[in-house]
């Protein structure tokens, strides 16, 4: 039997520790964040120390000896000195809050302004006391986005480095089968994250967006605009460009009808880089990129294509022989809380059906069922998820439709039962109730 050996380097590689620079401190509400390596660079020059050495002692039981100008271990019985993290990091942040949150201390802020480059163009006299002032000052000094992106770039593996561990999980039929699968250009491009290879894209979810102003709508719409969607996706190989057509990959070729074997396709109209809720149009997205796309289905006979988003997760490829990437929602999303939703006015049935369809498209974790009685049942992962879905229905997807919502029912799935015959669990021999706009999934289940 093989012997188990402790690998210190492997353990440290997956250990979260502030002095390693892979832990961030901050406030998303006030728009600031920092890592110890960033603070070490800021104060290293004043202390005459190397940033790398200073970073190691800014966390833990270390204090600064002002006589020797060196860091020293702080004993548990030491009640006079302060940890270096408190003295050189937290006190600086506390000073900003004390000078701007409850009352403005313009004298202190002016002294700090001369030392912080990001504050040079701030008119301190125009600041208003409270969270707005803190957000303005701290986001200029320690920007949240810059800190998080820098930490991700430094510590997360690149797309090419991560491919070896990621692909056997995402595509086990190709990458967990050993030498049984013959290698081809698509497989090689996926392994190497090659931007010049065949294009393979995974569309993970749809987001409601205003495509005129190029912003995500959140949970409200402006005026009488309709709900539009962009697909959030990752490019695994090749280069994604606007005005191109990609095929939708199937899990396996088990359909026998002639119509089912006709490959479905989508057309990429525009590609966006996400910047918070704002979207910036770009002309290409090479392998490794995470972007949002405006897509439309390429119609089949009669110009009618399947509605985008019913499957909610799509693998797209410029070849009909491309891979199928596993979806994380097939076995991890369970409807724990259910409610019955009906319109108060019968005339709003179509509007509610459309709203539920859009909600199903936007949220991969939601389930929508139609009972034999015609009752619409909305299933969510929990109480907060349910509140969010109801809010989206009322403010975004089914605006102006008065709803009757039943009390939540929590599913209890623990039971004792005898063994079940194989035909009872065969999806093709059992009854599966689906909404009318998702009934085509019976054939692929």
Foldseek 3Di string as FASTA:
>chain_A
DDDDDDDPVVVVLPDDDLLVFLDKDDDVLLFFIAGLLVLLVLCCVVLVHDSNVVSNQLDDQWFADPVVSDIDGHDPVDPPTDRNVVVRPVVVLVVQCVCAAPHHDVVVVVVVLVSAPLNVPPDSVPHDGHSVSSSVVRCSRGGPVVSVVVSCVVRPDALLVCLLVPCCQFFVVANVPPVPDDDDQQNVQLNRLEQATWKKKKFQAKFWPDPVQQFGPQQADDDPDATAIWTWMAIRGYKDFAQDKWWWAAQDPPDDDPVVPPTWMKHFHWKWADDDRGTDTDGMDGHRDTIITRIDTQADPPRHDADPQLVRMTMITRDRPHTGTDHPLPPPADFFKKKWKDFPDPVCPVQLVQLVVVLSRHDVRKDWFQDPVRIIMIGHRDDVRVVVSVSSSDRHRRDPTHMDMGDMDGDDDDDDDDDDDPLVPPLLNDDDTHPPSNVVCSSVD
